Amino acid sequence: MHSFVTSTFYWRLDCELAYNYRVYFAFHNCPYEDTVRQMMQGYPLDRTTQEHHFPQGYEAFYKRVLEVQDAIHMTTLKAPG
């Protein structure tokens, strides 16, 4: 349904036809990992999230995303200041 991919964090939201949501996530040296994990402990995320492990490794996955994803679907966010 939706995905958010950075060089340090992966988040994918899936929705079945019966409106059952599932969130898949992965971290790779993410500076906010502890904060995100704490946020996912609350209901209903504690029941609908699943950590994903990429067989080829996160860096290879991210590099492949950049190679195949059309630039129209990519956005670069910059911190204010």
PDB file of N, CA and C in Angstrom:
ATOM      1  N   MET A   1       0.823  -1.176   0.000  1.00  0.00           N
ATOM      2  CA  MET A   1       0.000   0.000   0.000  1.00  0.00           C
ATOM      3  C   MET A   1       0.876   1.252   0.000  1.00  0.00           C
ATOM      4  N   HIS A   2       1.765   1.383   1.003  1.00  0.00           N
ATOM      5  CA  HIS A   2       2.691   2.516   1.078  1.00  0.00           C
ATOM      6  C   HIS A   2       4.021   2.011   1.622  1.00  0.00           C
ATOM      7  N   SER A   3       5.091   2.660   1.204  1.00  0.00           N
ATOM      8  CA  SER A   3       6.390   2.343   1.785  1.00  0.00           C
ATOM      9  C   SER A   3       7.220   3.606   1.914  1.00  0.00           C
ATOM     10  N   PHE A   4       8.103   3.583   2.883  1.00  0.00           N
ATOM     11  CA  PHE A   4       9.013   4.679   3.160  1.00  0.00           C
ATOM     12  C   PHE A   4      10.383   4.045   3.343  1.00  0.00           C
ATOM     13  N   VAL A   5      11.330   4.443   2.503  1.00  0.00           N
ATOM     14  CA  VAL A   5      12.648   3.815   2.523  1.00  0.00           C
ATOM     15  C   VAL A   5      13.714   4.895   2.589  1.00  0.00           C
ATOM     16  N   THR A   6      14.603   4.766   3.551  1.00  0.00           N
ATOM     17  CA  THR A   6      15.776   5.643   3.634  1.00  0.00           C
ATOM     18  C   THR A   6      17.008   4.743   3.728  1.00  0.00           C
ATOM     19  N   SER A   7      18.166   5.349   3.760  1.00  0.00           N
ATOM     20  CA  SER A   7      19.391   4.564   3.879  1.00  0.00           C
ATOM     21  C   SER A   7      19.526   3.888   5.242  1.00  0.00           C
ATOM     22  N   THR A   8      18.697   4.290   6.222  1.00  0.00           N
ATOM     23  CA  THR A   8      18.791   3.718   7.565  1.00  0.00           C
ATOM     24  C   THR A   8      17.490   3.106   8.089  1.00  0.00           C
ATOM     25  N   PHE A   9      16.387   3.248   7.348  1.00  0.00           N
ATOM     26  CA  PHE A   9      15.090   2.819   7.872  1.00  0.00           C
ATOM     27  C   PHE A   9      14.149   2.429   6.737  1.00  0.00           C
ATOM     28  N   TYR A  10      13.387   1.360   6.979  1.00  0.00           N
ATOM     29  CA  TYR A  10      12.406   0.853   6.015  1.00  0.00           C
ATOM     30  C   TYR A  10      11.080   0.658   6.743  1.00  0.00           C
ATOM     31  N   TRP A  11       9.989   1.119   6.128  1.00  0.00           N
ATOM     32  CA  TRP A  11       8.650   1.024   6.721  1.00  0.00           C
ATOM     33  C   TRP A  11       7.678   0.750   5.591  1.00  0.00           C
ATOM     34  N   ARG A  12       6.933  -0.349   5.674  1.00  0.00           N
ATOM     35  CA  ARG A  12       5.963  -0.683   4.638  1.00  0.00           C
ATOM     36  C   ARG A  12       4.615  -0.993   5.281  1.00  0.00           C
ATOM     37  N   LEU A  13       3.576  -0.361   4.787  1.00  0.00           N
ATOM     38  CA  LEU A  13       2.217  -0.588   5.266  1.00  0.00           C
ATOM     39  C   LEU A  13       1.466  -1.397   4.220  1.00  0.00           C
ATOM     40  N   ASP A  14       0.969  -2.549   4.622  1.00  0.00           N
ATOM     41  CA  ASP A  14       0.147  -3.397   3.752  1.00  0.00           C
ATOM     42  C   ASP A  14      -1.271  -3.449   4.310  1.00  0.00           C
ATOM     43  N   CYS A  15      -2.237  -3.605   3.430  1.00  0.00           N
ATOM     44  CA  CYS A  15      -3.634  -3.727   3.846  1.00  0.00           C
ATOM     45  C   CYS A  15      -4.295  -4.829   3.039  1.00  0.00           C
ATOM     46  N   GLU A  16      -4.861  -5.808   3.728  1.00  0.00           N
ATOM     47  CA  GLU A  16      -5.578  -6.890   3.065  1.00  0.00           C
ATOM     48  C   GLU A  16      -6.963  -6.407   2.641  1.00  0.00           C
ATOM     49  N   LEU A  17      -7.634  -7.193   1.837  1.00  0.00           N
ATOM     50  CA  LEU A  17      -8.981  -6.827   1.396  1.00  0.00           C
ATOM     51  C   LEU A  17      -9.953  -6.685   2.562  1.00  0.00           C
ATOM     52  N   ALA A  18      -9.683  -7.391   3.649  1.00  0.00           N
ATOM     53  CA  ALA A  18     -10.554  -7.323   4.826  1.00  0.00           C
ATOM     54  C   ALA A  18     -10.147  -6.175   5.756  1.00  0.00           C
ATOM     55  N   TYR A  19      -9.307  -5.256   5.262  1.00  0.00           N
ATOM     56  CA  TYR A  19      -8.850  -4.088   6.017  1.00  0.00           C
ATOM     57  C   TYR A  19      -7.999  -4.446   7.240  1.00  0.00           C
ATOM     58  N   ASN A  20      -7.293  -5.566   7.161  1.00  0.00           N
ATOM     59  CA  ASN A  20      -6.332  -5.916   8.200  1.00  0.00           C
ATOM     60  C   ASN A  20      -4.987  -5.320   7.795  1.00  0.00           C
ATOM     61  N   TYR A  21      -4.475  -4.450   8.628  1.00  0.00           N
ATOM     62  CA  TYR A  21      -3.223  -3.767   8.334  1.00  0.00           C
ATOM     63  C   TYR A  21      -2.035  -4.522   8.925  1.00  0.00           C
ATOM     64  N   ARG A  22      -0.914  -4.441   8.232  1.00  0.00           N
ATOM     65  CA  ARG A  22       0.331  -5.024   8.709  1.00  0.00           C
ATOM     66  C   ARG A  22       1.446  -4.048   8.362  1.00  0.00           C
ATOM     67  N   VAL A  23       2.329  -3.801   9.321  1.00  0.00           N
ATOM     68  CA  VAL A  23       3.465  -2.909   9.113  1.00  0.00           C
ATOM     69  C   VAL A  23       4.749  -3.729   9.190  1.00  0.00           C
ATOM     70  N   TYR A  24       5.582  -3.603   8.174  1.00  0.00           N
ATOM     71  CA  TYR A  24       6.887  -4.250   8.146  1.00  0.00           C
ATOM     72  C   TYR A  24       7.950  -3.163   8.280  1.00  0.00           C
ATOM     73  N   PHE A  25       8.990  -3.441   9.029  1.00  0.00           N
ATOM     74  CA  PHE A  25      10.015  -2.426   9.246  1.00  0.00           C
ATOM     75  C   PHE A  25      11.386  -3.073   9.332  1.00  0.00           C
ATOM     76  N   ALA A  26      12.410  -2.244   9.101  1.00  0.00           N
ATOM     77  CA  ALA A  26      13.796  -2.682   9.262  1.00  0.00           C
ATOM     78  C   ALA A  26      14.645  -1.456   9.564  1.00  0.00           C
ATOM     79  N   PHE A  27      15.727  -1.697  10.277  1.00  0.00           N
ATOM     80  CA  PHE A  27      16.664  -0.625  10.612  1.00  0.00           C
ATOM     81  C   PHE A  27      18.047  -0.983  10.095  1.00  0.00           C
ATOM     82  N   HIS A  28      18.809   0.049   9.764  1.00  0.00           N
ATOM     83  CA  HIS A  28      20.216  -0.129   9.388  1.00  0.00           C
ATOM     84  C   HIS A  28      20.995   1.073   9.907  1.00  0.00           C
ATOM     85  N   ASN A  29      21.549   0.924  11.080  1.00  0.00           N
ATOM     86  CA  ASN A  29      22.292   2.030  11.718  1.00  0.00           C
ATOM     87  C   ASN A  29      21.431   3.290  11.843  1.00  0.00           C
ATOM     88  N   CYS A  30      20.180   3.112  12.169  1.00  0.00           N
ATOM     89  CA  CYS A  30      19.241   4.230  12.258  1.00  0.00           C
ATOM     90  C   CYS A  30      19.416   4.950  13.598  1.00  0.00           C
ATOM     91  N   PRO A  31      19.646   6.259  13.568  1.00  0.00           N
ATOM     92  CA  PRO A  31      19.835   6.988  14.821  1.00  0.00           C
ATOM     93  C   PRO A  31      18.562   7.091  15.663  1.00  0.00           C
ATOM     94  N   TYR A  32      17.416   6.771  15.084  1.00  0.00           N
ATOM     95  CA  TYR A  32      16.136   6.880  15.798  1.00  0.00           C
ATOM     96  C   TYR A  32      15.526   5.514  16.115  1.00  0.00           C
ATOM     97  N   GLU A  33      16.305   4.463  16.004  1.00  0.00           N
ATOM     98  CA  GLU A  33      15.767   3.111  16.187  1.00  0.00           C
ATOM     99  C   GLU A  33      15.088   2.939  17.542  1.00  0.00           C
ATOM    100  N   ASP A  34      15.726   3.341  18.615  1.00  0.00           N
ATOM    101  CA  ASP A  34      15.130   3.170  19.952  1.00  0.00           C
ATOM    102  C   ASP A  34      13.805   3.908  20.066  1.00  0.00           C
ATOM    103  N   THR A  35      13.745   5.120  19.544  1.00  0.00           N
ATOM    104  CA  THR A  35      12.522   5.922  19.604  1.00  0.00           C
ATOM    105  C   THR A  35      11.401   5.263  18.806  1.00  0.00           C
ATOM    106  N   VAL A  36      11.709   4.800  17.613  1.00  0.00           N
ATOM    107  CA  VAL A  36      10.691   4.161  16.766  1.00  0.00           C
ATOM    108  C   VAL A  36      10.200   2.876  17.411  1.00  0.00           C
ATOM    109  N   ARG A  37      11.110   2.084  17.949  1.00  0.00           N
ATOM    110  CA  ARG A  37      10.697   0.836  18.612  1.00  0.00           C
ATOM    111  C   ARG A  37       9.769   1.129  19.799  1.00  0.00           C
ATOM    112  N   GLN A  38      10.041   2.167  20.552  1.00  0.00           N
ATOM    113  CA  GLN A  38       9.161   2.537  21.668  1.00  0.00           C
ATOM    114  C   GLN A  38       7.779   2.931  21.157  1.00  0.00           C
ATOM    115  N   MET A  39       7.737   3.662  20.055  1.00  0.00           N
ATOM    116  CA  MET A  39       6.448   4.077  19.490  1.00  0.00           C
ATOM    117  C   MET A  39       5.630   2.884  19.027  1.00  0.00           C
ATOM    118  N   MET A  40       6.276   1.823  18.571  1.00  0.00           N
ATOM    119  CA  MET A  40       5.564   0.650  18.064  1.00  0.00           C
ATOM    120  C   MET A  40       5.080  -0.269  19.174  1.00  0.00           C
ATOM    121  N   GLN A  41       5.426   0.005  20.400  1.00  0.00           N
ATOM    122  CA  GLN A  41       4.987  -0.844  21.509  1.00  0.00           C
ATOM    123  C   GLN A  41       3.529  -0.608  21.883  1.00  0.00           C
ATOM    124  N   GLY A  42       2.978   0.527  21.501  1.00  0.00           N
ATOM    125  CA  GLY A  42       1.590   0.837  21.835  1.00  0.00           C
ATOM    126  C   GLY A  42       0.599   0.117  20.932  1.00  0.00           C
ATOM    127  N   TYR A  43      -0.588  -0.147  21.453  1.00  0.00           N
ATOM    128  CA  TYR A  43      -1.672  -0.765  20.696  1.00  0.00           C
ATOM    129  C   TYR A  43      -2.117   0.186  19.590  1.00  0.00           C
ATOM    130  N   PRO A  44      -2.412  -0.254  18.382  1.00  0.00           N
ATOM    131  CA  PRO A  44      -2.394  -1.626  17.877  1.00  0.00           C
ATOM    132  C   PRO A  44      -1.076  -2.022  17.220  1.00  0.00           C
ATOM    133  N   LEU A  45      -0.101  -1.114  17.206  1.00  0.00           N
ATOM    134  CA  LEU A  45       1.150  -1.452  16.524  1.00  0.00           C
ATOM    135  C   LEU A  45       1.872  -2.636  17.146  1.00  0.00           C
ATOM    136  N   ASP A  46       1.659  -2.872  18.429  1.00  0.00           N
ATOM    137  CA  ASP A  46       2.321  -4.010  19.068  1.00  0.00           C
ATOM    138  C   ASP A  46       1.869  -5.338  18.476  1.00  0.00           C
ATOM    139  N   ARG A  47       0.717  -5.344  17.806  1.00  0.00           N
ATOM    140  CA  ARG A  47       0.178  -6.583  17.224  1.00  0.00           C
ATOM    141  C   ARG A  47       0.280  -6.627  15.701  1.00  0.00           C
ATOM    142  N   THR A  48       0.560  -5.500  15.087  1.00  0.00           N
ATOM    143  CA  THR A  48       0.503  -5.449  13.626  1.00  0.00           C
ATOM    144  C   THR A  48       1.850  -5.188  12.965  1.00  0.00           C
ATOM    145  N   THR A  49       2.921  -5.107  13.746  1.00  0.00           N
ATOM    146  CA  THR A  49       4.234  -4.848  13.159  1.00  0.00           C
ATOM    147  C   THR A  49       5.074  -6.114  13.118  1.00  0.00           C
ATOM    148  N   GLN A  50       5.935  -6.159  12.123  1.00  0.00           N
ATOM    149  CA  GLN A  50       6.827  -7.306  11.987  1.00  0.00           C
ATOM    150  C   GLN A  50       8.157  -6.811  11.429  1.00  0.00           C
ATOM    151  N   GLU A  51       9.228  -7.153  12.126  1.00  0.00           N
ATOM    152  CA  GLU A  51      10.552  -6.748  11.643  1.00  0.00           C
ATOM    153  C   GLU A  51      10.927  -7.582  10.429  1.00  0.00           C
ATOM    154  N   HIS A  52      11.430  -6.907   9.431  1.00  0.00           N
ATOM    155  CA  HIS A  52      11.793  -7.573   8.174  1.00  0.00           C
ATOM    156  C   HIS A  52      13.314  -7.650   8.076  1.00  0.00           C
ATOM    157  N   HIS A  53      13.818  -8.787   7.643  1.00  0.00           N
ATOM    158  CA  HIS A  53      15.254  -8.970   7.424  1.00  0.00           C
ATOM    159  C   HIS A  53      15.476  -9.255   5.945  1.00  0.00           C
ATOM    160  N   PHE A  54      16.333  -8.478   5.332  1.00  0.00           N
ATOM    161  CA  PHE A  54      16.615  -8.634   3.909  1.00  0.00           C
ATOM    162  C   PHE A  54      17.729  -9.660   3.730  1.00  0.00           C
ATOM    163  N   PRO A  55      17.461 -10.739   2.987  1.00  0.00           N
ATOM    164  CA  PRO A  55      18.470 -11.794   2.818  1.00  0.00           C
ATOM    165  C   PRO A  55      19.779 -11.271   2.222  1.00  0.00           C
ATOM    166  N   GLN A  56      19.685 -10.298   1.334  1.00  0.00           N
ATOM    167  CA  GLN A  56      20.870  -9.756   0.679  1.00  0.00           C
ATOM    168  C   GLN A  56      21.534  -8.657   1.506  1.00  0.00           C
ATOM    169  N   GLY A  57      20.947  -8.310   2.633  1.00  0.00           N
ATOM    170  CA  GLY A  57      21.465  -7.230   3.476  1.00  0.00           C
ATOM    171  C   GLY A  57      20.777  -5.920   3.135  1.00  0.00           C
ATOM    172  N   TYR A  58      20.709  -5.034   4.124  1.00  0.00           N
ATOM    173  CA  TYR A  58      19.978  -3.783   3.942  1.00  0.00           C
ATOM    174  C   TYR A  58      20.636  -2.883   2.910  1.00  0.00           C
ATOM    175  N   GLU A  59      21.955  -2.775   2.935  1.00  0.00           N
ATOM    176  CA  GLU A  59      22.642  -1.889   1.992  1.00  0.00           C
ATOM    177  C   GLU A  59      22.388  -2.307   0.548  1.00  0.00           C
ATOM    178  N   ALA A  60      22.420  -3.605   0.266  1.00  0.00           N
ATOM    179  CA  ALA A  60      22.151  -4.094  -1.089  1.00  0.00           C
ATOM    180  C   ALA A  60      20.700  -3.812  -1.480  1.00  0.00           C
ATOM    181  N   PHE A  61      19.777  -4.012  -0.539  1.00  0.00           N
ATOM    182  CA  PHE A  61      18.370  -3.707  -0.799  1.00  0.00           C
ATOM    183  C   PHE A  61      18.191  -2.235  -1.160  1.00  0.00           C
ATOM    184  N   TYR A  62      18.766  -1.347  -0.343  1.00  0.00           N
ATOM    185  CA  TYR A  62      18.608   0.089  -0.563  1.00  0.00           C
ATOM    186  C   TYR A  62      19.223   0.513  -1.900  1.00  0.00           C
ATOM    187  N   LYS A  63      20.375   0.000  -2.208  1.00  0.00           N
ATOM    188  CA  LYS A  63      21.028   0.322  -3.478  1.00  0.00           C
ATOM    189  C   LYS A  63      20.146  -0.112  -4.652  1.00  0.00           C
ATOM    190  N   ARG A  64      19.548  -1.286  -4.537  1.00  0.00           N
ATOM    191  CA  ARG A  64      18.673  -1.790  -5.609  1.00  0.00           C
ATOM    192  C   ARG A  64      17.429  -0.917  -5.764  1.00  0.00           C
ATOM    193  N   VAL A  65      16.862  -0.470  -4.653  1.00  0.00           N
ATOM    194  CA  VAL A  65      15.706   0.435  -4.712  1.00  0.00           C
ATOM    195  C   VAL A  65      16.065   1.681  -5.510  1.00  0.00           C
ATOM    196  N   LEU A  66      17.213   2.261  -5.224  1.00  0.00           N
ATOM    197  CA  LEU A  66      17.637   3.463  -5.937  1.00  0.00           C
ATOM    198  C   LEU A  66      17.854   3.202  -7.423  1.00  0.00           C
ATOM    199  N   GLU A  67      18.266   1.995  -7.775  1.00  0.00           N
ATOM    200  CA  GLU A  67      18.509   1.647  -9.176  1.00  0.00           C
ATOM    201  C   GLU A  67      17.220   1.475  -9.969  1.00  0.00           C
ATOM    202  N   VAL A  68      16.195   0.909  -9.349  1.00  0.00           N
ATOM    203  CA  VAL A  68      14.995   0.543 -10.113  1.00  0.00           C
ATOM    204  C   VAL A  68      13.805   1.490  -9.932  1.00  0.00           C
ATOM    205  N   GLN A  69      13.783   2.233  -8.847  1.00  0.00           N
ATOM    206  CA  GLN A  69      12.639   3.110  -8.585  1.00  0.00           C
ATOM    207  C   GLN A  69      12.683   4.337  -9.492  1.00  0.00           C
ATOM    208  N   ASP A  70      11.580   4.639 -10.118  1.00  0.00           N
ATOM    209  CA  ASP A  70      11.482   5.824 -10.956  1.00  0.00           C
ATOM    210  C   ASP A  70      11.628   7.069 -10.085  1.00  0.00           C
ATOM    211  N   ALA A  71      12.398   8.016 -10.547  1.00  0.00           N
ATOM    212  CA  ALA A  71      12.675   9.237  -9.781  1.00  0.00           C
ATOM    213  C   ALA A  71      11.410  10.006  -9.412  1.00  0.00           C
ATOM    214  N   ILE A  72      10.340   9.841 -10.184  1.00  0.00           N
ATOM    215  CA  ILE A  72       9.085  10.545  -9.871  1.00  0.00           C
ATOM    216  C   ILE A  72       8.524  10.126  -8.511  1.00  0.00           C
ATOM    217  N   HIS A  73       8.918   8.931  -8.041  1.00  0.00           N
ATOM    218  CA  HIS A  73       8.417   8.418  -6.763  1.00  0.00           C
ATOM    219  C   HIS A  73       9.373   8.684  -5.603  1.00  0.00           C
ATOM    220  N   MET A  74      10.451   9.413  -5.846  1.00  0.00           N
ATOM    221  CA  MET A  74      11.439   9.678  -4.799  1.00  0.00           C
ATOM    222  C   MET A  74      11.391  11.143  -4.382  1.00  0.00           C
ATOM    223  N   THR A  75      11.549  11.356  -3.099  1.00  0.00           N
ATOM    224  CA  THR A  75      11.594  12.689  -2.535  1.00  0.00           C
ATOM    225  C   THR A  75      12.745  12.751  -1.547  1.00  0.00           C
ATOM    226  N   THR A  76      13.495  13.817  -1.595  1.00  0.00           N
ATOM    227  CA  THR A  76      14.574  14.020  -0.634  1.00  0.00           C
ATOM    228  C   THR A  76      14.112  15.056   0.371  1.00  0.00           C
ATOM    229  N   LEU A  77      14.101  14.664   1.629  1.00  0.00           N
ATOM    230  CA  LEU A  77      13.703  15.566   2.694  1.00  0.00           C
ATOM    231  C   LEU A  77      14.951  16.159   3.332  1.00  0.00           C
ATOM    232  N   LYS A  78      14.912  17.429   3.633  1.00  0.00           N
ATOM    233  CA  LYS A  78      16.046  18.082   4.279  1.00  0.00           C
ATOM    234  C   LYS A  78      15.589  18.665   5.609  1.00  0.00           C
ATOM    235  N   ALA A  79      16.463  18.540   6.590  1.00  0.00           N
ATOM    236  CA  ALA A  79      16.157  19.089   7.910  1.00  0.00           C
ATOM    237  C   ALA A  79      16.121  20.622   7.818  1.00  0.00           C
ATOM    238  N   PRO A  80      15.203  21.244   8.540  1.00  0.00           N
ATOM    239  CA  PRO A  80      15.141  22.703   8.528  1.00  0.00           C
ATOM    240  C   PRO A  80      16.405  23.307   9.130  1.00  0.00           C
ATOM    241  N   GLY A  81      16.732  24.496   8.666  1.00  0.00           N
ATOM    242  CA  GLY A  81      17.866  25.210   9.238  1.00  0.00           C
ATOM    243  C   GLY A  81      18.984  25.246   8.357  1.00  0.00           C
TER     244      GLY A  81
END
